[in-house]
Amino acid sequence: MTTLKSALEVFNKEDLKNYASKLHIRRISSLNKGELADKMHSFL
């Protein structure tokens, strides 16, 4: 079973940008993986 963390690691930048725009996150780089995982978990 794929973990959320490993799923995030294989996302390409465009996917992250599209996802970030849905959550109104301006800069993915301003988030660490843990924060991004938390946001994505609540989004899913």
PDB file of N, CA and C in Angstrom:
ATOM      1  N   MET A   1       0.839  -1.190   0.000  1.00  0.00           N
ATOM      2  CA  MET A   1       0.000   0.000   0.000  1.00  0.00           C
ATOM      3  C   MET A   1       0.884   1.254   0.000  1.00  0.00           C
ATOM      4  N   THR A   2       0.553   2.168  -0.865  1.00  0.00           N
ATOM      5  CA  THR A   2       1.339   3.389  -0.979  1.00  0.00           C
ATOM      6  C   THR A   2       0.983   4.352   0.141  1.00  0.00           C
ATOM      7  N   THR A   3       1.998   4.858   0.796  1.00  0.00           N
ATOM      8  CA  THR A   3       1.739   5.842   1.846  1.00  0.00           C
ATOM      9  C   THR A   3       1.553   7.209   1.222  1.00  0.00           C
ATOM     10  N   LEU A   4       0.913   8.097   1.958  1.00  0.00           N
ATOM     11  CA  LEU A   4       0.705   9.450   1.450  1.00  0.00           C
ATOM     12  C   LEU A   4       2.033  10.138   1.177  1.00  0.00           C
ATOM     13  N   LYS A   5       3.003   9.918   2.068  1.00  0.00           N
ATOM     14  CA  LYS A   5       4.310  10.559   1.889  1.00  0.00           C
ATOM     15  C   LYS A   5       4.975  10.109   0.597  1.00  0.00           C
ATOM     16  N   SER A   6       4.967   8.808   0.328  1.00  0.00           N
ATOM     17  CA  SER A   6       5.616   8.340  -0.894  1.00  0.00           C
ATOM     18  C   SER A   6       4.832   8.779  -2.126  1.00  0.00           C
ATOM     19  N   ALA A   7       3.518   8.911  -1.987  1.00  0.00           N
ATOM     20  CA  ALA A   7       2.719   9.412  -3.102  1.00  0.00           C
ATOM     21  C   ALA A   7       3.098  10.857  -3.419  1.00  0.00           C
ATOM     22  N   LEU A   8       3.333  11.651  -2.377  1.00  0.00           N
ATOM     23  CA  LEU A   8       3.733  13.040  -2.595  1.00  0.00           C
ATOM     24  C   LEU A   8       5.083  13.121  -3.282  1.00  0.00           C
ATOM     25  N   GLU A   9       5.974  12.193  -2.964  1.00  0.00           N
ATOM     26  CA  GLU A   9       7.317  12.237  -3.524  1.00  0.00           C
ATOM     27  C   GLU A   9       7.327  11.971  -5.025  1.00  0.00           C
ATOM     28  N   VAL A  10       6.330  11.257  -5.531  1.00  0.00           N
ATOM     29  CA  VAL A  10       6.307  10.967  -6.959  1.00  0.00           C
ATOM     30  C   VAL A  10       5.455  11.957  -7.749  1.00  0.00           C
ATOM     31  N   PHE A  11       4.773  12.850  -7.047  1.00  0.00           N
ATOM     32  CA  PHE A  11       4.034  13.895  -7.751  1.00  0.00           C
ATOM     33  C   PHE A  11       4.995  14.753  -8.553  1.00  0.00           C
ATOM     34  N   ASN A  12       4.599  15.100  -9.770  1.00  0.00           N
ATOM     35  CA  ASN A  12       5.435  16.056 -10.486  1.00  0.00           C
ATOM     36  C   ASN A  12       5.017  17.475 -10.115  1.00  0.00           C
ATOM     37  N   LYS A  13       5.833  18.434 -10.515  1.00  0.00           N
ATOM     38  CA  LYS A  13       5.592  19.812 -10.086  1.00  0.00           C
ATOM     39  C   LYS A  13       4.252  20.347 -10.576  1.00  0.00           C
ATOM     40  N   GLU A  14       3.833  19.981 -11.773  1.00  0.00           N
ATOM     41  CA  GLU A  14       2.556  20.482 -12.278  1.00  0.00           C
ATOM     42  C   GLU A  14       1.396  19.982 -11.420  1.00  0.00           C
ATOM     43  N   ASP A  15       1.447  18.719 -11.033  1.00  0.00           N
ATOM     44  CA  ASP A  15       0.401  18.185 -10.160  1.00  0.00           C
ATOM     45  C   ASP A  15       0.353  18.957  -8.851  1.00  0.00           C
ATOM     46  N   LEU A  16       1.523  19.226  -8.285  1.00  0.00           N
ATOM     47  CA  LEU A  16       1.571  19.966  -7.031  1.00  0.00           C
ATOM     48  C   LEU A  16       1.047  21.382  -7.209  1.00  0.00           C
ATOM     49  N   LYS A  17       1.385  22.008  -8.323  1.00  0.00           N
ATOM     50  CA  LYS A  17       0.896  23.371  -8.572  1.00  0.00           C
ATOM     51  C   LYS A  17      -0.620  23.377  -8.705  1.00  0.00           C
ATOM     52  N   ASN A  18      -1.160  22.416  -9.439  1.00  0.00           N
ATOM     53  CA  ASN A  18      -2.611  22.337  -9.606  1.00  0.00           C
ATOM     54  C   ASN A  18      -3.297  22.084  -8.278  1.00  0.00           C
ATOM     55  N   TYR A  19      -2.749  21.186  -7.498  1.00  0.00           N
ATOM     56  CA  TYR A  19      -3.290  20.879  -6.180  1.00  0.00           C
ATOM     57  C   TYR A  19      -3.208  22.097  -5.271  1.00  0.00           C
ATOM     58  N   ALA A  20      -2.064  22.765  -5.310  1.00  0.00           N
ATOM     59  CA  ALA A  20      -1.863  23.940  -4.464  1.00  0.00           C
ATOM     60  C   ALA A  20      -2.851  25.042  -4.821  1.00  0.00           C
ATOM     61  N   SER A  21      -3.116  25.211  -6.102  1.00  0.00           N
ATOM     62  CA  SER A  21      -4.041  26.268  -6.500  1.00  0.00           C
ATOM     63  C   SER A  21      -5.452  25.976  -6.004  1.00  0.00           C
ATOM     64  N   LYS A  22      -5.805  24.703  -5.902  1.00  0.00           N
ATOM     65  CA  LYS A  22      -7.114  24.343  -5.351  1.00  0.00           C
ATOM     66  C   LYS A  22      -7.231  24.748  -3.889  1.00  0.00           C
ATOM     67  N   LEU A  23      -6.106  24.646  -3.177  1.00  0.00           N
ATOM     68  CA  LEU A  23      -6.119  24.996  -1.758  1.00  0.00           C
ATOM     69  C   LEU A  23      -5.655  26.428  -1.521  1.00  0.00           C
ATOM     70  N   HIS A  24      -5.441  27.162  -2.617  1.00  0.00           N
ATOM     71  CA  HIS A  24      -5.007  28.552  -2.524  1.00  0.00           C
ATOM     72  C   HIS A  24      -3.666  28.682  -1.803  1.00  0.00           C
ATOM     73  N   ILE A  25      -2.773  27.754  -2.093  1.00  0.00           N
ATOM     74  CA  ILE A  25      -1.412  27.818  -1.563  1.00  0.00           C
ATOM     75  C   ILE A  25      -0.558  28.486  -2.638  1.00  0.00           C
ATOM     76  N   ARG A  26       0.067  29.577  -2.282  1.00  0.00           N
ATOM     77  CA  ARG A  26       0.829  30.306  -3.289  1.00  0.00           C
ATOM     78  C   ARG A  26       2.157  29.642  -3.612  1.00  0.00           C
ATOM     79  N   ARG A  27       2.833  29.156  -2.589  1.00  0.00           N
ATOM     80  CA  ARG A  27       4.156  28.578  -2.829  1.00  0.00           C
ATOM     81  C   ARG A  27       4.267  27.217  -2.164  1.00  0.00           C
ATOM     82  N   ILE A  28       4.382  26.171  -2.965  1.00  0.00           N
ATOM     83  CA  ILE A  28       4.561  24.821  -2.428  1.00  0.00           C
ATOM     84  C   ILE A  28       5.839  24.768  -1.598  1.00  0.00           C
ATOM     85  N   SER A  29       6.859  25.478  -2.034  1.00  0.00           N
ATOM     86  CA  SER A  29       8.141  25.427  -1.337  1.00  0.00           C
ATOM     87  C   SER A  29       8.055  25.979   0.079  1.00  0.00           C
ATOM     88  N   SER A  30       6.998  26.744   0.359  1.00  0.00           N
ATOM     89  CA  SER A  30       6.849  27.290   1.707  1.00  0.00           C
ATOM     90  C   SER A  30       6.295  26.251   2.677  1.00  0.00           C
ATOM     91  N   LEU A  31       5.863  25.131   2.143  1.00  0.00           N
ATOM     92  CA  LEU A  31       5.333  24.060   2.987  1.00  0.00           C
ATOM     93  C   LEU A  31       6.342  22.928   3.069  1.00  0.00           C
ATOM     94  N   ASN A  32       6.428  22.301   4.208  1.00  0.00           N
ATOM     95  CA  ASN A  32       7.239  21.092   4.254  1.00  0.00           C
ATOM     96  C   ASN A  32       6.354  19.898   3.902  1.00  0.00           C
ATOM     97  N   LYS A  33       6.952  18.745   3.709  1.00  0.00           N
ATOM     98  CA  LYS A  33       6.168  17.579   3.287  1.00  0.00           C
ATOM     99  C   LYS A  33       5.082  17.222   4.286  1.00  0.00           C
ATOM    100  N   GLY A  34       5.376  17.357   5.563  1.00  0.00           N
ATOM    101  CA  GLY A  34       4.385  17.028   6.580  1.00  0.00           C
ATOM    102  C   GLY A  34       3.159  17.913   6.484  1.00  0.00           C
ATOM    103  N   GLU A  35       3.371  19.207   6.295  1.00  0.00           N
ATOM    104  CA  GLU A  35       2.254  20.140   6.171  1.00  0.00           C
ATOM    105  C   GLU A  35       1.458  19.846   4.913  1.00  0.00           C
ATOM    106  N   LEU A  36       2.160  19.577   3.831  1.00  0.00           N
ATOM    107  CA  LEU A  36       1.482  19.274   2.577  1.00  0.00           C
ATOM    108  C   LEU A  36       0.658  17.996   2.715  1.00  0.00           C
ATOM    109  N   ALA A  37       1.232  16.995   3.371  1.00  0.00           N
ATOM    110  CA  ALA A  37       0.519  15.737   3.579  1.00  0.00           C
ATOM    111  C   ALA A  37      -0.737  15.960   4.415  1.00  0.00           C
ATOM    112  N   ASP A  38      -0.625  16.787   5.453  1.00  0.00           N
ATOM    113  CA  ASP A  38      -1.791  17.077   6.282  1.00  0.00           C
ATOM    114  C   ASP A  38      -2.880  17.756   5.471  1.00  0.00           C
ATOM    115  N   LYS A  39      -2.504  18.725   4.652  1.00  0.00           N
ATOM    116  CA  LYS A  39      -3.480  19.437   3.842  1.00  0.00           C
ATOM    117  C   LYS A  39      -4.113  18.508   2.819  1.00  0.00           C
ATOM    118  N   MET A  40      -3.281  17.673   2.198  1.00  0.00           N
ATOM    119  CA  MET A  40      -3.814  16.767   1.191  1.00  0.00           C
ATOM    120  C   MET A  40      -4.748  15.754   1.828  1.00  0.00           C
ATOM    121  N   HIS A  41      -4.394  15.267   3.006  1.00  0.00           N
ATOM    122  CA  HIS A  41      -5.239  14.292   3.692  1.00  0.00           C
ATOM    123  C   HIS A  41      -6.618  14.884   3.967  1.00  0.00           C
ATOM    124  N   SER A  42      -6.667  16.129   4.403  1.00  0.00           N
ATOM    125  CA  SER A  42      -7.951  16.760   4.684  1.00  0.00           C
ATOM    126  C   SER A  42      -8.696  17.057   3.385  1.00  0.00           C
ATOM    127  N   PHE A  43      -7.951  17.272   2.308  1.00  0.00           N
ATOM    128  CA  PHE A  43      -8.561  17.558   1.012  1.00  0.00           C
ATOM    129  C   PHE A  43      -9.220  16.308   0.432  1.00  0.00           C
ATOM    130  N   LEU A  44      -8.553  15.164   0.597  1.00  0.00           N
ATOM    131  CA  LEU A  44      -9.093  13.908   0.093  1.00  0.00           C
ATOM    132  C   LEU A  44     -10.216  13.455   0.998  1.00  0.00           C
TER     133      LEU A  44
END
